[in-house]
Amino acid sequence: MTVPVASVIVPCRNVEKTVEAALAGPLASPLRELEVIAVDDGSTDGTFSVLERIAAKDGRVVVLHSGGKGVSAARNMGLDAARGEFVFFVDADDVVEPDMYPKVVEAMRRDRADYCRVAHEGRFVLTGKELNFPLKGDYRFSSNEEIIEKLIPCFFGYSLRQVVELYAGVPLFARREMGSVCTGGFRLSLIRDCDIRFDETIEIYEDAMFLSEYLIKSQRTTIVDESLYHYMLSVSGSMLSKTSGPEFFANKLRLLAKREELDVKSGGRLTSMYAASCVFSLLEILRASFRIKGCLFRGLSVFRRYGSDPVVKVALRHFPLSWRKPVLAAAVLACRFISPLFFRAKQ
């Protein structure tokens, strides 16, 4: 059996109307030595039948079942099955340019890169409005120090320095990049050698955490500054439940724990990158406690647990304030006032 150059992993859940278009790009690629690993994540519609039909026509398509455990479990299963030198991810409701794969492989081989970032576009499904997401920097780095200092901050979180810049008129998203794994290429050997996995307990920003952990171990990165990946943007019921239901609170705690875990793995080099995000999340938890129906007591309990974290306490104490954002300043001051009374001391 021929060993593929690239493995394209596609988690699929109830996407019978879009998955064929998502797989069309990889299968039409000039890079013929690739495999498409489509992982059916417990679909209840006709997704599996569509995947079976495509696999019957093209032997490069492998169909797996992850049992409805979530997108991270599906991607991990795909990584376990992957055989390519390079790994790519595609969401089953998006569209990929066939040229993405040979161009990324060429760039990574040429620059001996562990990671290649690609520009991308977005299109709102309901309105057809298009958004362009060009790269906001030249992310061609040749050392681990550069990668951690200059690339990971683009999606790992918000720093206190960015808050100061916000007060001066610089938007928080000025240098922000999407933390998606779909707009880049990875080396399978590095993923396996370092045992890098998607955290199956995190339901939002799990991409950014995987990408950050991967880049902590990377030595060289490169780019392809062409819009080769197209996000089909919509607000799904699944996403709404993650941000407007009880899962929101648990996810905040797990995300904080994951950031702290990765900070330790980096030797403490990431703490400043997400200090402001800790404060923003603390305020989001408090607001959600009153916003999400039936979650007042649960929300306040998580608010207390989150605010009692030592990293969050330090971030809250040093969070910069300005009259330019009076509501934010008032909220932070209120949290500082109740901190000695409401947040537990470190055990």
C-alpha atoms as a PDB file:
ATOM      1  CA  MET A   1       0.000   0.000   0.000  1.00  0.00           C
ATOM      2  CA  THR A   2       1.373   3.414  -0.991  1.00  0.00           C
ATOM      3  CA  VAL A   3       2.181   5.684   1.953  1.00  0.00           C
ATOM      4  CA  PRO A   4       0.412   9.047   1.431  1.00  0.00           C
ATOM      5  CA  VAL A   5       2.219  12.357   1.590  1.00  0.00           C
ATOM      6  CA  ALA A   6      -0.708  14.012   3.383  1.00  0.00           C
ATOM      7  CA  SER A   7      -3.557  12.943   5.633  1.00  0.00           C
ATOM      8  CA  VAL A   8      -6.680  15.125   5.632  1.00  0.00           C
ATOM      9  CA  ILE A   9      -8.838  14.595   8.723  1.00  0.00           C
ATOM     10  CA  VAL A  10     -12.520  15.567   8.498  1.00  0.00           C
ATOM     11  CA  PRO A  11     -14.791  15.191  11.561  1.00  0.00           C
ATOM     12  CA  CYS A  12     -18.397  14.780  10.411  1.00  0.00           C
ATOM     13  CA  ARG A  13     -21.606  15.132  12.377  1.00  0.00           C
ATOM     14  CA  ASN A  14     -24.977  15.636  10.664  1.00  0.00           C
ATOM     15  CA  VAL A  15     -23.432  17.277   7.597  1.00  0.00           C
ATOM     16  CA  GLU A  16     -25.068  15.315   4.786  1.00  0.00           C
ATOM     17  CA  LYS A  17     -25.715  18.540   2.822  1.00  0.00           C
ATOM     18  CA  THR A  18     -22.176  19.932   2.989  1.00  0.00           C
ATOM     19  CA  VAL A  19     -19.677  17.104   3.448  1.00  0.00           C
ATOM     20  CA  GLU A  20     -19.427  16.224  -0.234  1.00  0.00           C
ATOM     21  CA  ALA A  21     -18.317  19.775  -1.055  1.00  0.00           C
ATOM     22  CA  ALA A  22     -15.848  19.690   1.863  1.00  0.00           C
ATOM     23  CA  LEU A  23     -14.230  16.505   0.567  1.00  0.00           C
ATOM     24  CA  ALA A  24     -14.244  17.659  -3.051  1.00  0.00           C
ATOM     25  CA  GLY A  25     -11.261  19.993  -2.555  1.00  0.00           C
ATOM     26  CA  PRO A  26      -8.855  17.399  -1.129  1.00  0.00           C
ATOM     27  CA  LEU A  27      -9.930  14.725  -3.602  1.00  0.00           C
ATOM     28  CA  ALA A  28      -9.429  17.086  -6.565  1.00  0.00           C
ATOM     29  CA  SER A  29      -5.991  18.178  -5.363  1.00  0.00           C
ATOM     30  CA  PRO A  30      -3.020  17.963  -7.723  1.00  0.00           C
ATOM     31  CA  LEU A  31      -1.323  16.219  -4.798  1.00  0.00           C
ATOM     32  CA  ARG A  32      -2.735  12.781  -5.496  1.00  0.00           C
ATOM     33  CA  GLU A  33      -0.736  11.024  -2.760  1.00  0.00           C
ATOM     34  CA  LEU A  34      -3.122  11.896   0.033  1.00  0.00           C
ATOM     35  CA  GLU A  35      -5.709  10.158   2.152  1.00  0.00           C
ATOM     36  CA  VAL A  36      -8.962  11.598   3.454  1.00  0.00           C
ATOM     37  CA  ILE A  37      -9.965  10.292   6.882  1.00  0.00           C
ATOM     38  CA  ALA A  38     -13.644  11.098   7.410  1.00  0.00           C
ATOM     39  CA  VAL A  39     -14.724  10.415  10.989  1.00  0.00           C
ATOM     40  CA  ASP A  40     -18.476  10.092  11.448  1.00  0.00           C
ATOM     41  CA  ASP A  41     -19.165  11.468  14.928  1.00  0.00           C
ATOM     42  CA  GLY A  42     -22.503   9.824  15.664  1.00  0.00           C
ATOM     43  CA  SER A  43     -24.510  11.415  12.852  1.00  0.00           C
ATOM     44  CA  THR A  44     -28.278  10.875  12.890  1.00  0.00           C
ATOM     45  CA  ASP A  45     -28.921  12.074   9.337  1.00  0.00           C
ATOM     46  CA  GLY A  46     -27.599  10.692   6.029  1.00  0.00           C
ATOM     47  CA  THR A  47     -23.966  11.690   6.585  1.00  0.00           C
ATOM     48  CA  PHE A  48     -22.681   8.123   6.813  1.00  0.00           C
ATOM     49  CA  SER A  49     -24.421   7.118   3.573  1.00  0.00           C
ATOM     50  CA  VAL A  50     -22.821  10.061   1.775  1.00  0.00           C
ATOM     51  CA  LEU A  51     -19.391   9.110   3.114  1.00  0.00           C
ATOM     52  CA  GLU A  52     -19.854   5.481   2.099  1.00  0.00           C
ATOM     53  CA  ARG A  53     -20.793   6.533  -1.431  1.00  0.00           C
ATOM     54  CA  ILE A  54     -17.735   8.773  -1.763  1.00  0.00           C
ATOM     55  CA  ALA A  55     -15.427   6.085  -0.330  1.00  0.00           C
ATOM     56  CA  ALA A  56     -16.791   3.524  -2.798  1.00  0.00           C
ATOM     57  CA  LYS A  57     -15.727   5.804  -5.675  1.00  0.00           C
ATOM     58  CA  ASP A  58     -12.328   6.813  -4.305  1.00  0.00           C
ATOM     59  CA  GLY A  59     -10.136   4.392  -2.408  1.00  0.00           C
ATOM     60  CA  ARG A  60      -8.228   7.241  -0.768  1.00  0.00           C
ATOM     61  CA  VAL A  61     -11.220   7.918   1.498  1.00  0.00           C
ATOM     62  CA  VAL A  62     -11.290   6.120   4.843  1.00  0.00           C
ATOM     63  CA  VAL A  63     -14.494   6.260   6.914  1.00  0.00           C
ATOM     64  CA  LEU A  64     -14.287   5.827  10.691  1.00  0.00           C
ATOM     65  CA  HIS A  65     -16.781   6.067  13.561  1.00  0.00           C
ATOM     66  CA  SER A  66     -16.066   7.917  16.803  1.00  0.00           C
ATOM     67  CA  GLY A  67     -19.386   7.232  18.519  1.00  0.00           C
ATOM     68  CA  GLY A  68     -20.626  10.786  18.994  1.00  0.00           C
ATOM     69  CA  LYS A  69     -17.911  11.771  21.470  1.00  0.00           C
ATOM     70  CA  GLY A  70     -17.335  15.210  19.975  1.00  0.00           C
ATOM     71  CA  VAL A  71     -15.118  16.912  17.418  1.00  0.00           C
ATOM     72  CA  SER A  72     -11.922  16.539  19.468  1.00  0.00           C
ATOM     73  CA  ALA A  73     -12.392  12.787  19.873  1.00  0.00           C
ATOM     74  CA  ALA A  74     -13.088  12.508  16.145  1.00  0.00           C
ATOM     75  CA  ARG A  75      -9.904  14.396  15.292  1.00  0.00           C
ATOM     76  CA  ASN A  76      -7.880  12.283  17.721  1.00  0.00           C
ATOM     77  CA  MET A  77      -9.203   9.146  16.079  1.00  0.00           C
ATOM     78  CA  GLY A  78      -8.192  10.568  12.725  1.00  0.00           C
ATOM     79  CA  LEU A  79      -4.685  11.284  14.044  1.00  0.00           C
ATOM     80  CA  ASP A  80      -4.397   7.694  15.284  1.00  0.00           C
ATOM     81  CA  ALA A  81      -5.252   6.401  11.808  1.00  0.00           C
ATOM     82  CA  ALA A  82      -3.221   8.932   9.800  1.00  0.00           C
ATOM     83  CA  ARG A  83      -0.268   7.699   7.722  1.00  0.00           C
ATOM     84  CA  GLY A  84       0.848  10.841   5.892  1.00  0.00           C
ATOM     85  CA  GLU A  85       3.988  12.860   6.458  1.00  0.00           C
ATOM     86  CA  PHE A  86       1.808  15.965   6.760  1.00  0.00           C
ATOM     87  CA  VAL A  87      -1.568  16.402   8.461  1.00  0.00           C
ATOM     88  CA  PHE A  88      -4.407  18.754   7.563  1.00  0.00           C
ATOM     89  CA  PHE A  89      -7.834  19.308   9.114  1.00  0.00           C
ATOM     90  CA  VAL A  90     -11.067  20.272   7.380  1.00  0.00           C
ATOM     91  CA  ASP A  91     -14.430  21.086   8.932  1.00  0.00           C
ATOM     92  CA  ALA A  92     -17.187  19.257   7.106  1.00  0.00           C
ATOM     93  CA  ASP A  93     -19.177  22.421   6.346  1.00  0.00           C
ATOM     94  CA  ASP A  94     -16.249  24.337   4.803  1.00  0.00           C
ATOM     95  CA  VAL A  95     -14.619  24.395   1.360  1.00  0.00           C
ATOM     96  CA  VAL A  96     -10.931  23.976   0.499  1.00  0.00           C
ATOM     97  CA  GLU A  97      -9.032  24.972  -2.621  1.00  0.00           C
ATOM     98  CA  PRO A  98      -7.413  21.858  -4.182  1.00  0.00           C
ATOM     99  CA  ASP A  99      -4.109  23.755  -4.491  1.00  0.00           C
ATOM    100  CA  MET A 100      -3.809  24.123  -0.721  1.00  0.00           C
ATOM    101  CA  TYR A 101      -2.169  20.752  -0.208  1.00  0.00           C
ATOM    102  CA  PRO A 102       0.678  20.812  -2.744  1.00  0.00           C
ATOM    103  CA  LYS A 103       1.448  24.460  -1.915  1.00  0.00           C
ATOM    104  CA  VAL A 104       1.648  23.831   1.836  1.00  0.00           C
ATOM    105  CA  VAL A 105       3.679  20.646   1.411  1.00  0.00           C
ATOM    106  CA  GLU A 106       6.091  22.448  -0.914  1.00  0.00           C
ATOM    107  CA  ALA A 107       6.479  25.359   1.546  1.00  0.00           C
ATOM    108  CA  MET A 108       7.035  23.077   4.543  1.00  0.00           C
ATOM    109  CA  ARG A 109       9.617  20.965   2.752  1.00  0.00           C
ATOM    110  CA  ARG A 110      11.398  24.000   1.319  1.00  0.00           C
ATOM    111  CA  ASP A 111      11.616  25.762   4.699  1.00  0.00           C
ATOM    112  CA  ARG A 112      11.944  22.559   6.771  1.00  0.00           C
ATOM    113  CA  ALA A 113       8.961  23.835   8.736  1.00  0.00           C
ATOM    114  CA  ASP A 114       6.936  22.070  11.400  1.00  0.00           C
ATOM    115  CA  TYR A 115       3.916  24.282  10.736  1.00  0.00           C
ATOM    116  CA  CYS A 116       2.589  26.287   7.806  1.00  0.00           C
ATOM    117  CA  ARG A 117      -0.112  28.926   8.242  1.00  0.00           C
ATOM    118  CA  VAL A 118      -2.462  29.736   5.365  1.00  0.00           C
ATOM    119  CA  ALA A 119      -4.608  32.792   4.689  1.00  0.00           C
ATOM    120  CA  HIS A 120      -8.357  32.177   4.504  1.00  0.00           C
ATOM    121  CA  GLU A 121     -11.766  33.619   3.731  1.00  0.00           C
ATOM    122  CA  GLY A 122     -15.200  33.407   5.291  1.00  0.00           C
ATOM    123  CA  ARG A 123     -18.664  33.460   3.789  1.00  0.00           C
ATOM    124  CA  PHE A 124     -21.914  33.882   5.690  1.00  0.00           C
ATOM    125  CA  VAL A 125     -24.196  31.066   4.590  1.00  0.00           C
ATOM    126  CA  LEU A 126     -27.452  32.999   4.961  1.00  0.00           C
ATOM    127  CA  THR A 127     -26.408  36.289   3.340  1.00  0.00           C
ATOM    128  CA  GLY A 128     -23.545  35.295   1.066  1.00  0.00           C
ATOM    129  CA  LYS A 129     -21.426  38.145   2.458  1.00  0.00           C
ATOM    130  CA  GLU A 130     -17.726  37.403   2.180  1.00  0.00           C
ATOM    131  CA  LEU A 131     -14.915  38.273   4.585  1.00  0.00           C
ATOM    132  CA  ASN A 132     -11.221  38.118   3.790  1.00  0.00           C
ATOM    133  CA  PHE A 133      -8.748  37.050   6.477  1.00  0.00           C
ATOM    134  CA  PRO A 134      -5.241  37.837   5.217  1.00  0.00           C
ATOM    135  CA  LEU A 135      -2.323  36.913   7.409  1.00  0.00           C
ATOM    136  CA  LYS A 136      -1.522  39.704   9.852  1.00  0.00           C
ATOM    137  CA  GLY A 137       2.172  38.966   9.936  1.00  0.00           C
ATOM    138  CA  ASP A 138       5.015  37.144   8.246  1.00  0.00           C
ATOM    139  CA  TYR A 139       5.046  34.036  10.422  1.00  0.00           C
ATOM    140  CA  ARG A 140       8.229  32.527   9.006  1.00  0.00           C
ATOM    141  CA  PHE A 141      10.235  31.793  12.123  1.00  0.00           C
ATOM    142  CA  SER A 142      13.383  29.717  12.559  1.00  0.00           C
ATOM    143  CA  SER A 143      13.506  29.161  16.327  1.00  0.00           C
ATOM    144  CA  ASN A 144      11.241  27.953  19.091  1.00  0.00           C
ATOM    145  CA  GLU A 145      11.778  31.215  20.974  1.00  0.00           C
ATOM    146  CA  GLU A 146      10.465  33.269  18.046  1.00  0.00           C
ATOM    147  CA  ILE A 147       7.458  31.009  17.621  1.00  0.00           C
ATOM    148  CA  ILE A 148       6.439  31.302  21.262  1.00  0.00           C
ATOM    149  CA  GLU A 149       7.120  35.028  21.435  1.00  0.00           C
ATOM    150  CA  LYS A 150       5.544  36.105  18.140  1.00  0.00           C
ATOM    151  CA  LEU A 151       3.048  33.497  16.881  1.00  0.00           C
ATOM    152  CA  ILE A 152       1.349  31.873  19.885  1.00  0.00           C
ATOM    153  CA  PRO A 153       0.217  35.277  21.289  1.00  0.00           C
ATOM    154  CA  CYS A 154      -1.852  35.777  18.130  1.00  0.00           C
ATOM    155  CA  PHE A 155      -4.508  33.330  19.345  1.00  0.00           C
ATOM    156  CA  PHE A 156      -3.662  32.062  22.850  1.00  0.00           C
ATOM    157  CA  GLY A 157      -5.351  34.927  24.701  1.00  0.00           C
ATOM    158  CA  TYR A 158      -5.262  38.649  25.464  1.00  0.00           C
ATOM    159  CA  SER A 159      -2.457  40.279  27.434  1.00  0.00           C
ATOM    160  CA  LEU A 160      -2.634  43.225  29.803  1.00  0.00           C
ATOM    161  CA  ARG A 161      -0.537  45.204  27.331  1.00  0.00           C
ATOM    162  CA  GLN A 162      -3.261  44.729  24.724  1.00  0.00           C
ATOM    163  CA  VAL A 163      -5.767  46.227  27.161  1.00  0.00           C
ATOM    164  CA  VAL A 164      -3.572  49.322  27.474  1.00  0.00           C
ATOM    165  CA  GLU A 165      -3.411  49.507  23.685  1.00  0.00           C
ATOM    166  CA  LEU A 166      -7.206  49.146  23.571  1.00  0.00           C
ATOM    167  CA  TYR A 167      -7.540  52.286  25.665  1.00  0.00           C
ATOM    168  CA  ALA A 168      -5.305  54.036  23.116  1.00  0.00           C
ATOM    169  CA  GLY A 169      -7.636  53.039  20.280  1.00  0.00           C
ATOM    170  CA  VAL A 170      -6.073  49.785  19.060  1.00  0.00           C
ATOM    171  CA  PRO A 171      -8.758  47.060  18.734  1.00  0.00           C
ATOM    172  CA  LEU A 172      -8.157  43.827  20.631  1.00  0.00           C
ATOM    173  CA  PHE A 173      -8.403  41.944  17.332  1.00  0.00           C
ATOM    174  CA  ALA A 174      -5.762  44.092  15.622  1.00  0.00           C
ATOM    175  CA  ARG A 175      -3.168  41.307  15.714  1.00  0.00           C
ATOM    176  CA  ARG A 176      -5.525  38.436  16.428  1.00  0.00           C
ATOM    177  CA  GLU A 177      -5.468  35.317  14.249  1.00  0.00           C
ATOM    178  CA  MET A 178      -8.012  32.521  14.285  1.00  0.00           C
ATOM    179  CA  GLY A 179      -6.810  29.633  16.396  1.00  0.00           C
ATOM    180  CA  SER A 180      -8.287  27.101  13.998  1.00  0.00           C
ATOM    181  CA  VAL A 181      -6.281  24.042  12.985  1.00  0.00           C
ATOM    182  CA  CYS A 182      -7.917  24.058   9.564  1.00  0.00           C
ATOM    183  CA  THR A 183      -5.824  26.907   8.177  1.00  0.00           C
ATOM    184  CA  GLY A 184      -2.483  25.192   8.391  1.00  0.00           C
ATOM    185  CA  GLY A 185      -0.367  22.092   7.869  1.00  0.00           C
ATOM    186  CA  PHE A 186       1.312  19.959  10.556  1.00  0.00           C
ATOM    187  CA  ARG A 187       3.933  17.210  10.708  1.00  0.00           C
ATOM    188  CA  LEU A 188       2.511  13.904  11.919  1.00  0.00           C
ATOM    189  CA  SER A 189       5.868  12.817  13.353  1.00  0.00           C
ATOM    190  CA  LEU A 190       5.986  15.824  15.709  1.00  0.00           C
ATOM    191  CA  ILE A 191       2.404  15.227  16.853  1.00  0.00           C
ATOM    192  CA  ARG A 192       3.178  11.607  17.692  1.00  0.00           C
ATOM    193  CA  ASP A 193       6.657  12.122  19.123  1.00  0.00           C
ATOM    194  CA  CYS A 194       5.305  14.743  21.553  1.00  0.00           C
ATOM    195  CA  ASP A 195       1.963  12.982  22.149  1.00  0.00           C
ATOM    196  CA  ILE A 196      -0.048  16.072  21.241  1.00  0.00           C
ATOM    197  CA  ARG A 197      -3.800  15.498  21.386  1.00  0.00           C
ATOM    198  CA  PHE A 198      -6.994  17.496  21.250  1.00  0.00           C
ATOM    199  CA  ASP A 199      -8.369  17.936  24.771  1.00  0.00           C
ATOM    200  CA  GLU A 200     -11.711  16.150  24.636  1.00  0.00           C
ATOM    201  CA  THR A 201     -13.003  17.970  27.735  1.00  0.00           C
ATOM    202  CA  ILE A 202     -12.877  21.400  26.063  1.00  0.00           C
ATOM    203  CA  GLU A 203     -15.687  22.333  23.675  1.00  0.00           C
ATOM    204  CA  ILE A 204     -14.695  25.895  22.701  1.00  0.00           C
ATOM    205  CA  TYR A 205     -11.163  27.003  21.664  1.00  0.00           C
ATOM    206  CA  GLU A 206      -9.971  23.399  21.621  1.00  0.00           C
ATOM    207  CA  ASP A 207      -8.321  24.195  18.259  1.00  0.00           C
ATOM    208  CA  ALA A 208      -6.250  27.021  19.717  1.00  0.00           C
ATOM    209  CA  MET A 209      -5.085  24.857  22.607  1.00  0.00           C
ATOM    210  CA  PHE A 210      -3.967  22.041  20.287  1.00  0.00           C
ATOM    211  CA  LEU A 211      -2.228  24.537  18.013  1.00  0.00           C
ATOM    212  CA  SER A 212      -0.488  26.193  20.962  1.00  0.00           C
ATOM    213  CA  GLU A 213       0.751  22.889  22.366  1.00  0.00           C
ATOM    214  CA  TYR A 214       2.033  21.918  18.928  1.00  0.00           C
ATOM    215  CA  LEU A 215       3.852  25.224  18.457  1.00  0.00           C
ATOM    216  CA  ILE A 216       5.472  24.963  21.898  1.00  0.00           C
ATOM    217  CA  LYS A 217       7.299  21.956  20.449  1.00  0.00           C
ATOM    218  CA  SER A 218       7.952  23.439  16.992  1.00  0.00           C
ATOM    219  CA  GLN A 219      11.253  24.811  15.727  1.00  0.00           C
ATOM    220  CA  ARG A 220      10.405  26.333  12.344  1.00  0.00           C
ATOM    221  CA  THR A 221       7.260  27.779  10.754  1.00  0.00           C
ATOM    222  CA  THR A 222       6.350  29.122   7.338  1.00  0.00           C
ATOM    223  CA  ILE A 223       3.357  30.584   5.474  1.00  0.00           C
ATOM    224  CA  VAL A 224       1.364  30.411   2.271  1.00  0.00           C
ATOM    225  CA  ASP A 225      -0.164  33.868   1.939  1.00  0.00           C
ATOM    226  CA  GLU A 226      -3.067  32.850  -0.288  1.00  0.00           C
ATOM    227  CA  SER A 227      -6.725  32.392   0.662  1.00  0.00           C
ATOM    228  CA  LEU A 228      -6.961  28.645   0.166  1.00  0.00           C
ATOM    229  CA  TYR A 229      -9.449  27.749   2.920  1.00  0.00           C
ATOM    230  CA  HIS A 230     -13.034  29.027   2.960  1.00  0.00           C
ATOM    231  CA  TYR A 231     -15.099  29.038   6.147  1.00  0.00           C
ATOM    232  CA  MET A 232     -18.856  28.748   5.673  1.00  0.00           C
ATOM    233  CA  LEU A 233     -20.028  30.917   8.578  1.00  0.00           C
ATOM    234  CA  SER A 234     -23.263  30.224  10.444  1.00  0.00           C
ATOM    235  CA  VAL A 235     -24.485  30.078  14.034  1.00  0.00           C
ATOM    236  CA  SER A 236     -25.237  26.430  14.726  1.00  0.00           C
ATOM    237  CA  GLY A 237     -27.421  25.054  17.456  1.00  0.00           C
ATOM    238  CA  SER A 238     -24.402  23.237  18.859  1.00  0.00           C
ATOM    239  CA  MET A 239     -22.428  26.456  19.226  1.00  0.00           C
ATOM    240  CA  LEU A 240     -25.370  28.237  20.824  1.00  0.00           C
ATOM    241  CA  SER A 241     -25.679  25.507  23.437  1.00  0.00           C
ATOM    242  CA  LYS A 242     -21.979  25.829  24.241  1.00  0.00           C
ATOM    243  CA  THR A 243     -22.211  29.569  24.831  1.00  0.00           C
ATOM    244  CA  SER A 244     -25.758  29.885  26.155  1.00  0.00           C
ATOM    245  CA  GLY A 245     -26.172  26.741  28.232  1.00  0.00           C
ATOM    246  CA  PRO A 246     -24.738  25.158  31.379  1.00  0.00           C
ATOM    247  CA  GLU A 247     -21.763  23.798  29.389  1.00  0.00           C
ATOM    248  CA  PHE A 248     -20.448  27.357  29.177  1.00  0.00           C
ATOM    249  CA  PHE A 249     -19.337  27.364  32.818  1.00  0.00           C
ATOM    250  CA  ALA A 250     -17.551  24.022  32.803  1.00  0.00           C
ATOM    251  CA  ASN A 251     -15.781  24.932  29.591  1.00  0.00           C
ATOM    252  CA  LYS A 252     -14.399  28.124  31.138  1.00  0.00           C
ATOM    253  CA  LEU A 253     -12.827  26.164  33.999  1.00  0.00           C
ATOM    254  CA  ARG A 254     -11.384  23.536  31.664  1.00  0.00           C
ATOM    255  CA  LEU A 255      -9.988  26.167  29.319  1.00  0.00           C
ATOM    256  CA  LEU A 256      -8.263  27.925  32.215  1.00  0.00           C
ATOM    257  CA  ALA A 257      -6.779  24.625  33.397  1.00  0.00           C
ATOM    258  CA  LYS A 258      -5.541  23.858  29.882  1.00  0.00           C
ATOM    259  CA  ARG A 259      -3.901  27.266  29.503  1.00  0.00           C
ATOM    260  CA  GLU A 260      -2.131  26.796  32.819  1.00  0.00           C
ATOM    261  CA  GLU A 261      -1.028  23.305  31.790  1.00  0.00           C
ATOM    262  CA  LEU A 262       0.450  24.628  28.543  1.00  0.00           C
ATOM    263  CA  ASP A 263       2.095  27.492  30.415  1.00  0.00           C
ATOM    264  CA  VAL A 264       3.925  24.953  32.556  1.00  0.00           C
ATOM    265  CA  LYS A 265       4.979  23.007  29.438  1.00  0.00           C
ATOM    266  CA  SER A 266       6.388  26.211  27.965  1.00  0.00           C
ATOM    267  CA  GLY A 267       8.439  26.921  31.079  1.00  0.00           C
ATOM    268  CA  GLY A 268       6.179  29.745  32.215  1.00  0.00           C
ATOM    269  CA  ARG A 269       6.478  31.718  28.983  1.00  0.00           C
ATOM    270  CA  LEU A 270       2.729  31.990  28.283  1.00  0.00           C
ATOM    271  CA  THR A 271       1.367  33.544  31.504  1.00  0.00           C
ATOM    272  CA  SER A 272       1.415  37.138  30.302  1.00  0.00           C
ATOM    273  CA  MET A 273      -0.258  36.175  27.019  1.00  0.00           C
ATOM    274  CA  TYR A 274      -3.606  35.320  28.610  1.00  0.00           C
ATOM    275  CA  ALA A 275      -3.713  37.441  31.772  1.00  0.00           C
ATOM    276  CA  ALA A 276      -6.374  39.803  30.386  1.00  0.00           C
ATOM    277  CA  SER A 277      -8.377  36.848  29.066  1.00  0.00           C
ATOM    278  CA  CYS A 278      -8.630  35.554  32.650  1.00  0.00           C
ATOM    279  CA  VAL A 279     -10.286  38.799  33.738  1.00  0.00           C
ATOM    280  CA  PHE A 280     -12.554  38.935  30.688  1.00  0.00           C
ATOM    281  CA  SER A 281     -13.639  35.349  31.356  1.00  0.00           C
ATOM    282  CA  LEU A 282     -14.297  36.102  35.024  1.00  0.00           C
ATOM    283  CA  LEU A 283     -16.642  38.919  33.988  1.00  0.00           C
ATOM    284  CA  GLU A 284     -18.271  36.725  31.312  1.00  0.00           C
ATOM    285  CA  ILE A 285     -18.979  34.039  33.920  1.00  0.00           C
ATOM    286  CA  LEU A 286     -20.601  36.575  36.229  1.00  0.00           C
ATOM    287  CA  ARG A 287     -22.746  37.968  33.427  1.00  0.00           C
ATOM    288  CA  ALA A 288     -23.720  34.499  32.220  1.00  0.00           C
ATOM    289  CA  SER A 289     -24.815  33.558  35.740  1.00  0.00           C
ATOM    290  CA  PHE A 290     -27.692  36.014  35.366  1.00  0.00           C
ATOM    291  CA  ARG A 291     -28.140  35.652  31.589  1.00  0.00           C
ATOM    292  CA  ILE A 292     -28.459  31.877  31.265  1.00  0.00           C
ATOM    293  CA  LYS A 293     -31.795  30.699  32.584  1.00  0.00           C
ATOM    294  CA  GLY A 294     -31.660  28.492  35.654  1.00  0.00           C
ATOM    295  CA  CYS A 295     -27.900  28.833  36.119  1.00  0.00           C
ATOM    296  CA  LEU A 296     -27.593  31.527  38.754  1.00  0.00           C
ATOM    297  CA  PHE A 297     -26.248  29.373  41.568  1.00  0.00           C
ATOM    298  CA  ARG A 298     -24.108  27.224  39.294  1.00  0.00           C
ATOM    299  CA  GLY A 299     -22.706  30.320  37.637  1.00  0.00           C
ATOM    300  CA  LEU A 300     -21.864  32.038  40.914  1.00  0.00           C
ATOM    301  CA  SER A 301     -20.191  28.868  42.157  1.00  0.00           C
ATOM    302  CA  VAL A 302     -17.998  28.752  39.038  1.00  0.00           C
ATOM    303  CA  PHE A 303     -17.381  32.496  39.368  1.00  0.00           C
ATOM    304  CA  ARG A 304     -15.995  31.870  42.841  1.00  0.00           C
ATOM    305  CA  ARG A 305     -13.870  28.918  41.739  1.00  0.00           C
ATOM    306  CA  TYR A 306     -12.527  30.773  38.715  1.00  0.00           C
ATOM    307  CA  GLY A 307     -11.775  33.923  40.677  1.00  0.00           C
ATOM    308  CA  SER A 308      -9.986  31.916  43.365  1.00  0.00           C
ATOM    309  CA  ASP A 309      -7.398  30.664  40.891  1.00  0.00           C
ATOM    310  CA  PRO A 310      -3.989  32.256  41.714  1.00  0.00           C
ATOM    311  CA  VAL A 311      -3.333  33.246  38.101  1.00  0.00           C
ATOM    312  CA  VAL A 312      -6.730  34.941  37.856  1.00  0.00           C
ATOM    313  CA  LYS A 313      -6.203  36.746  41.161  1.00  0.00           C
ATOM    314  CA  VAL A 314      -2.916  38.246  39.977  1.00  0.00           C
ATOM    315  CA  ALA A 315      -4.421  39.221  36.617  1.00  0.00           C
ATOM    316  CA  LEU A 316      -7.374  40.899  38.344  1.00  0.00           C
ATOM    317  CA  ARG A 317      -5.088  42.846  40.660  1.00  0.00           C
ATOM    318  CA  HIS A 318      -2.932  44.159  37.807  1.00  0.00           C
ATOM    319  CA  PHE A 319      -5.633  44.675  35.171  1.00  0.00           C
ATOM    320  CA  PRO A 320      -5.247  48.262  33.841  1.00  0.00           C
ATOM    321  CA  LEU A 321      -8.227  50.622  34.108  1.00  0.00           C
ATOM    322  CA  SER A 322      -9.226  53.671  32.081  1.00  0.00           C
ATOM    323  CA  TRP A 323     -12.055  56.189  31.997  1.00  0.00           C
ATOM    324  CA  ARG A 324     -12.284  55.375  28.267  1.00  0.00           C
ATOM    325  CA  LYS A 325     -14.000  52.100  29.219  1.00  0.00           C
ATOM    326  CA  PRO A 326     -16.030  53.048  32.314  1.00  0.00           C
ATOM    327  CA  VAL A 327     -18.246  49.937  32.382  1.00  0.00           C
ATOM    328  CA  LEU A 328     -15.231  47.640  32.200  1.00  0.00           C
ATOM    329  CA  ALA A 329     -13.443  49.647  34.887  1.00  0.00           C
ATOM    330  CA  ALA A 330     -16.453  49.526  37.203  1.00  0.00           C
ATOM    331  CA  ALA A 331     -16.819  45.761  36.750  1.00  0.00           C
ATOM    332  CA  VAL A 332     -13.147  45.102  37.462  1.00  0.00           C
ATOM    333  CA  LEU A 333     -13.204  47.357  40.529  1.00  0.00           C
ATOM    334  CA  ALA A 334     -16.277  45.529  41.829  1.00  0.00           C
ATOM    335  CA  CYS A 335     -14.500  42.181  41.454  1.00  0.00           C
ATOM    336  CA  ARG A 336     -11.446  43.553  43.242  1.00  0.00           C
ATOM    337  CA  PHE A 337     -13.644  44.765  46.082  1.00  0.00           C
ATOM    338  CA  ILE A 338     -15.336  41.415  46.623  1.00  0.00           C
ATOM    339  CA  SER A 339     -12.177  39.381  46.011  1.00  0.00           C
ATOM    340  CA  PRO A 340     -11.087  39.138  49.678  1.00  0.00           C
ATOM    341  CA  LEU A 341     -14.612  38.196  50.733  1.00  0.00           C
ATOM    342  CA  PHE A 342     -15.780  35.944  47.902  1.00  0.00           C
ATOM    343  CA  PHE A 343     -12.725  34.277  46.413  1.00  0.00           C
ATOM    344  CA  ARG A 344     -11.065  31.521  48.418  1.00  0.00           C
ATOM    345  CA  ALA A 345      -7.469  31.754  49.476  1.00  0.00           C
ATOM    346  CA  LYS A 346      -5.034  29.313  47.866  1.00  0.00           C
ATOM    347  CA  GLN A 347      -5.009  26.032  49.779  1.00  0.00           C
END
